[in-house]
N, C-alpha and C. Protein backbone atom coordinates (compact mmCIF):
# COMPACT_ATOMS: atom_id res chain seq x y z
N UNK A 1 10.46 -15.79 -4.71
CA UNK A 1 11.04 -15.11 -5.75
C UNK A 1 10.13 -14.20 -6.55
N UNK A 2 10.44 -12.99 -6.85
CA UNK A 2 9.70 -12.13 -7.68
C UNK A 2 10.53 -11.61 -8.73
N UNK A 3 9.84 -11.56 -9.82
CA UNK A 3 10.53 -10.81 -10.78
C UNK A 3 10.45 -9.30 -10.64
N UNK A 4 11.19 -8.51 -11.35
CA UNK A 4 11.49 -7.00 -11.13
C UNK A 4 10.26 -6.42 -11.40
N UNK A 5 9.47 -7.00 -12.30
CA UNK A 5 8.12 -6.30 -12.62
C UNK A 5 7.20 -6.60 -11.89
N UNK A 6 7.01 -7.36 -10.82
CA UNK A 6 5.91 -7.69 -9.92
C UNK A 6 6.05 -6.91 -8.60
N UNK A 7 5.12 -6.06 -8.33
CA UNK A 7 5.10 -5.41 -7.03
C UNK A 7 5.17 -6.53 -5.94
N UNK A 8 6.07 -5.86 -4.89
CA UNK A 8 6.29 -6.66 -3.79
C UNK A 8 5.02 -7.09 -3.12
N UNK A 9 4.00 -6.12 -2.99
CA UNK A 9 2.69 -6.56 -2.16
C UNK A 9 2.04 -7.79 -2.88
N UNK A 10 2.00 -7.90 -4.24
CA UNK A 10 1.12 -8.87 -4.82
C UNK A 10 2.05 -10.18 -4.71
N UNK A 11 3.34 -10.21 -4.56
CA UNK A 11 3.96 -11.51 -4.32
C UNK A 11 3.92 -11.86 -2.77
N UNK A 12 3.70 -10.81 -2.02
CA UNK A 12 3.33 -11.32 -0.69
C UNK A 12 1.92 -11.84 -0.32
N UNK A 13 0.83 -11.02 -1.22
CA UNK A 13 -0.25 -11.47 -0.95
C UNK A 13 -0.38 -12.97 -1.47
N UNK A 14 0.31 -13.19 -2.48
CA UNK A 14 0.26 -14.50 -3.02
C UNK A 14 0.81 -15.66 -2.06
N UNK A 15 1.69 -15.24 -1.60
CA UNK A 15 2.52 -16.24 -0.47
C UNK A 15 1.61 -16.44 0.65
N UNK A 16 0.73 -15.24 1.37
CA UNK A 16 -0.10 -15.12 2.33
C UNK A 16 -1.36 -16.12 1.80
N UNK A 17 -1.67 -16.16 0.90
CA UNK A 17 -2.92 -16.98 0.57
C UNK A 17 -2.73 -18.29 0.05
N UNK A 18 -1.63 -18.81 -0.35
CA UNK A 18 -1.05 -20.12 -0.34
C UNK A 18 -0.87 -20.53 1.17
N UNK A 19 -0.26 -19.94 2.13
CA UNK A 19 -0.06 -20.55 3.37
C UNK A 19 -1.47 -20.79 3.98
N UNK A 20 -2.57 -19.73 3.64
CA UNK A 20 -3.68 -19.90 4.39
C UNK A 20 -4.39 -21.24 3.89
N UNK A 21 -4.20 -21.45 2.41
CA UNK A 21 -4.85 -22.67 2.11
C UNK A 21 -4.11 -24.00 2.80
N UNK A 22 -2.88 -23.97 3.19
CA UNK A 22 -2.39 -25.10 3.47
C UNK A 22 -2.15 -24.77 5.30
N UNK A 23 -3.36 -24.63 6.01
CA UNK A 23 -3.54 -23.96 7.30
C UNK A 23 -2.88 -25.12 8.49
N UNK A 24 -2.89 -26.47 8.03
CA UNK A 24 -2.38 -27.33 8.92
C UNK A 24 -0.97 -27.69 8.66
N UNK A 25 -0.30 -27.12 7.73
CA UNK A 25 1.00 -27.55 7.37
C UNK A 25 2.03 -26.49 7.74
N UNK A 26 2.91 -26.68 8.32
CA UNK A 26 3.95 -25.65 8.66
C UNK A 26 4.41 -25.25 7.44
N UNK A 27 4.68 -23.79 7.33
CA UNK A 27 5.30 -23.41 6.10
C UNK A 27 6.27 -22.29 6.45
N UNK A 28 7.18 -22.05 5.47
CA UNK A 28 8.15 -21.03 5.80
C UNK A 28 8.13 -20.12 4.34
N UNK A 29 7.77 -18.75 4.48
CA UNK A 29 7.55 -18.28 2.99
C UNK A 29 8.82 -17.16 3.14
N UNK A 30 9.21 -16.97 2.01
CA UNK A 30 10.56 -16.19 1.79
C UNK A 30 10.53 -15.27 0.50
N UNK A 31 10.59 -14.24 0.45
CA UNK A 31 10.77 -13.37 -1.00
C UNK A 31 12.22 -12.92 -1.05
N UNK A 32 12.72 -13.40 -2.13
CA UNK A 32 14.07 -13.15 -2.32
C UNK A 32 14.08 -12.11 -3.84
N UNK A 33 14.87 -11.24 -3.82
CA UNK A 33 15.10 -10.69 -4.98
C UNK A 33 16.51 -10.94 -5.68
N UNK A 34 16.70 -11.13 -6.88
CA UNK A 34 18.11 -11.56 -7.33
C UNK A 34 17.96 -11.49 -8.87
N UNK A 35 19.12 -11.16 -9.34
CA UNK A 35 19.64 -11.28 -10.68
C UNK A 35 19.52 -12.84 -11.15
N UNK A 36 19.95 -13.70 -10.23
CA UNK A 36 20.40 -15.04 -10.49
C UNK A 36 19.14 -15.79 -9.84
N UNK A 37 18.02 -15.79 -10.64
CA UNK A 37 16.57 -16.37 -9.89
C UNK A 37 17.08 -17.98 -9.37
N UNK A 38 17.30 -18.61 -10.47
CA UNK A 38 17.59 -20.08 -10.16
C UNK A 38 18.56 -20.37 -9.06
N UNK A 39 19.70 -19.58 -9.30
CA UNK A 39 20.94 -19.88 -8.19
C UNK A 39 20.41 -19.62 -6.76
N UNK A 40 19.65 -18.40 -6.84
CA UNK A 40 19.05 -18.00 -5.45
C UNK A 40 18.25 -19.01 -4.81
N UNK A 41 17.40 -19.69 -5.75
CA UNK A 41 16.31 -20.55 -5.19
C UNK A 41 17.06 -21.99 -4.95
N UNK A 42 18.20 -22.14 -5.51
CA UNK A 42 19.02 -23.38 -5.30
C UNK A 42 19.63 -23.20 -3.92
N UNK A 43 19.97 -22.23 -3.88
CA UNK A 43 20.85 -21.73 -2.41
C UNK A 43 19.80 -21.90 -1.27
N UNK A 44 18.51 -21.19 -1.47
CA UNK A 44 17.63 -21.55 -0.57
C UNK A 44 17.15 -22.66 -0.23
N UNK A 45 17.11 -23.68 -1.07
CA UNK A 45 16.79 -25.03 -1.01
C UNK A 45 17.76 -25.87 0.18
N UNK A 46 18.84 -25.59 0.51
CA UNK A 46 19.63 -25.88 1.50
C UNK A 46 19.06 -25.73 2.90
N UNK A 47 18.23 -24.83 3.20
CA UNK A 47 17.79 -24.41 4.65
C UNK A 47 16.36 -25.10 4.69
N UNK A 48 15.88 -25.77 3.59
CA UNK A 48 14.17 -26.26 3.95
C UNK A 48 14.25 -27.72 3.42
N UNK A 49 13.32 -28.48 3.96
CA UNK A 49 12.87 -29.85 3.59
C UNK A 49 12.26 -30.15 2.05
N UNK A 50 11.51 -29.02 1.74
CA UNK A 50 10.95 -29.06 0.20
C UNK A 50 10.80 -27.72 -0.15
N UNK A 51 10.67 -27.69 -1.44
CA UNK A 51 10.45 -26.33 -2.40
C UNK A 51 9.45 -26.84 -3.35
N UNK A 52 8.38 -25.89 -3.47
CA UNK A 52 7.43 -26.17 -4.37
C UNK A 52 7.55 -24.82 -5.27
N UNK A 53 7.74 -25.18 -6.50
CA UNK A 53 7.85 -24.18 -7.47
C UNK A 53 6.93 -24.53 -8.93
N UNK A 54 6.50 -23.34 -9.53
CA UNK A 54 5.67 -23.51 -10.44
C UNK A 54 6.55 -24.16 -11.73
N UNK A 55 5.73 -24.67 -12.64
CA UNK A 55 6.54 -25.37 -13.74
C UNK A 55 6.43 -24.12 -14.81
N UNK A 56 7.70 -24.38 -15.61
CA UNK A 56 7.65 -23.43 -16.70
C UNK A 56 6.64 -23.12 -17.71
N UNK A 57 6.23 -21.95 -17.97
CA UNK A 57 5.32 -21.71 -18.97
C UNK A 57 5.91 -21.13 -20.43
N UNK A 58 7.29 -21.27 -20.45
CA UNK A 58 8.12 -21.03 -21.84
C UNK A 58 7.72 -21.97 -22.68
N UNK A 59 7.80 -21.61 -24.09
CA UNK A 59 7.97 -22.59 -25.01
C UNK A 59 8.95 -23.26 -25.12
N UNK A 60 8.76 -24.68 -25.63
CA UNK A 60 10.05 -25.60 -25.62
C UNK A 60 11.29 -25.00 -26.33
N UNK A 61 11.06 -24.05 -27.30
CA UNK A 61 12.20 -23.46 -27.99
C UNK A 61 12.94 -22.53 -27.03
N UNK A 62 12.24 -21.80 -26.19
CA UNK A 62 12.81 -20.77 -25.24
C UNK A 62 13.60 -21.48 -24.13
N UNK A 63 12.87 -22.69 -23.79
CA UNK A 63 13.59 -23.30 -22.57
C UNK A 63 15.00 -23.98 -23.30
N UNK A 64 14.98 -24.44 -24.61
CA UNK A 64 16.13 -25.12 -24.97
C UNK A 64 17.11 -23.95 -25.20
N UNK A 65 16.89 -22.86 -25.82
CA UNK A 65 17.79 -21.54 -26.01
C UNK A 65 18.23 -21.05 -24.62
N UNK A 66 17.38 -20.70 -23.64
CA UNK A 66 17.90 -20.00 -22.58
C UNK A 66 17.65 -20.93 -21.18
N UNK A 67 17.01 -21.90 -21.07
CA UNK A 67 16.89 -22.88 -19.98
C UNK A 67 15.61 -22.49 -19.33
N UNK A 68 15.36 -23.49 -18.34
CA UNK A 68 14.05 -23.04 -17.60
C UNK A 68 14.30 -23.10 -16.17
N UNK A 69 14.08 -22.04 -15.70
CA UNK A 69 14.43 -21.89 -14.22
C UNK A 69 13.77 -23.07 -13.35
N UNK A 70 12.58 -23.58 -13.41
CA UNK A 70 12.17 -24.85 -12.56
C UNK A 70 13.04 -26.01 -13.16
N UNK A 71 13.38 -26.07 -13.94
CA UNK A 71 14.14 -27.37 -14.26
C UNK A 71 15.62 -27.45 -13.79
N UNK A 72 16.11 -26.20 -13.94
CA UNK A 72 17.29 -25.91 -13.16
C UNK A 72 17.38 -25.98 -11.87
N UNK A 73 16.42 -25.48 -11.08
CA UNK A 73 16.11 -25.85 -9.69
C UNK A 73 16.18 -27.11 -9.31
N UNK A 74 15.39 -27.98 -10.25
CA UNK A 74 15.04 -29.32 -9.83
C UNK A 74 16.32 -29.98 -9.91
N UNK A 75 17.26 -29.84 -10.94
CA UNK A 75 18.38 -30.64 -11.04
C UNK A 75 19.45 -30.19 -9.92
N UNK A 76 19.31 -28.93 -9.51
CA UNK A 76 20.67 -28.43 -8.70
C UNK A 76 20.13 -28.46 -7.09
N UNK A 77 18.86 -28.58 -6.75
CA UNK A 77 18.36 -28.37 -5.48
C UNK A 77 18.98 -29.68 -4.68
N UNK A 78 19.09 -28.90 -3.29
CA UNK A 78 19.85 -29.65 -2.37
C UNK A 78 18.60 -30.29 -1.39
N UNK A 79 17.20 -30.21 -1.74
CA UNK A 79 16.15 -30.89 -1.18
C UNK A 79 15.20 -31.24 -2.31
N UNK A 80 14.06 -31.84 -1.71
CA UNK A 80 13.03 -32.12 -2.54
C UNK A 80 12.36 -30.96 -3.24
N UNK A 81 12.12 -31.11 -4.49
CA UNK A 81 11.42 -30.03 -5.28
C UNK A 81 10.26 -30.52 -5.84
N UNK A 82 9.01 -30.20 -5.66
CA UNK A 82 8.10 -30.38 -6.35
C UNK A 82 7.41 -29.22 -7.29
N UNK A 83 7.39 -29.54 -8.69
CA UNK A 83 6.78 -28.50 -9.53
C UNK A 83 5.38 -28.75 -9.81
N UNK A 84 4.80 -27.74 -9.54
CA UNK A 84 3.50 -27.68 -10.07
C UNK A 84 2.87 -26.94 -11.16
N UNK A 85 2.19 -27.55 -12.05
CA UNK A 85 1.53 -27.08 -13.22
C UNK A 85 0.39 -26.44 -13.18
N UNK A 86 0.02 -25.18 -13.53
CA UNK A 86 -1.46 -24.90 -13.42
C UNK A 86 -2.19 -25.64 -14.57
N UNK A 87 -3.61 -25.99 -14.26
CA UNK A 87 -4.38 -26.60 -15.16
C UNK A 87 -4.91 -25.72 -16.03
N UNK A 88 -4.40 -25.62 -17.37
CA UNK A 88 -4.97 -24.62 -18.30
C UNK A 88 -6.15 -25.00 -19.19
N UNK A 89 -6.61 -26.51 -18.83
CA UNK A 89 -7.71 -26.78 -19.58
C UNK A 89 -7.39 -27.01 -21.16
N UNK A 90 -6.20 -27.19 -21.45
CA UNK A 90 -5.92 -27.16 -23.03
C UNK A 90 -5.27 -28.67 -23.04
N UNK A 91 -5.71 -29.38 -24.07
CA UNK A 91 -5.24 -30.83 -24.45
C UNK A 91 -4.13 -30.80 -25.09
N UNK A 92 -3.14 -31.53 -24.56
CA UNK A 92 -1.82 -31.87 -25.23
C UNK A 92 -1.84 -32.21 -26.84
N UNK A 93 -1.00 -31.92 -27.53
CA UNK A 93 -0.67 -32.47 -28.96
C UNK A 93 -1.16 -34.00 -28.69
N UNK A 94 -0.09 -34.74 -27.79
CA UNK A 94 -0.23 -36.14 -27.92
C UNK A 94 -1.47 -36.72 -27.45
N UNK A 95 -2.28 -36.11 -26.54
CA UNK A 95 -3.66 -36.39 -26.21
C UNK A 95 -4.60 -36.45 -27.33
N UNK A 96 -4.58 -35.08 -27.90
CA UNK A 96 -5.48 -34.90 -29.10
C UNK A 96 -5.14 -35.99 -30.37
N UNK A 97 -3.87 -36.37 -30.48
CA UNK A 97 -3.45 -37.21 -31.71
C UNK A 97 -4.12 -38.67 -31.17
N UNK A 98 -3.63 -39.13 -29.92
CA UNK A 98 -4.32 -40.54 -29.56
C UNK A 98 -5.73 -40.57 -29.61
N UNK A 99 -6.48 -39.46 -29.25
CA UNK A 99 -7.92 -39.47 -29.43
C UNK A 99 -8.26 -39.64 -30.78
N UNK A 100 -7.61 -39.09 -31.87
CA UNK A 100 -7.91 -39.01 -33.30
C UNK A 100 -7.47 -40.45 -33.97
N UNK A 101 -6.52 -41.20 -33.37
CA UNK A 101 -5.89 -42.34 -33.56
C UNK A 101 -6.93 -43.77 -33.21
N UNK A 102 -7.56 -43.42 -32.23
CA UNK A 102 -8.61 -44.40 -31.68
C UNK A 102 -9.82 -44.58 -32.43
N UNK A 103 -10.18 -43.56 -33.24
CA UNK A 103 -11.43 -43.47 -33.67
C UNK A 103 -11.62 -44.19 -35.07
């Protein structure tokens, strides 16, 4: 999936790079443009064994108000979905709180 602001070449390059990292794993790459992003991904899950999708980067408030695409896909998918989260190196509030509590 690519949002309307992302050039097709950039998304194709990202898919190609990811496939090269998984060189021994058979992969299928598809770029689909749609106004219903979550619905299109869910529909595509019927044709594959597993879908890997990036975790949401929206704030909790945004997710509550408008929903989060990865969570919608995870709930409605017809096959296994793995959500990957980029390591931002930011310590969560709970971790910081627990560290302070132990001191």
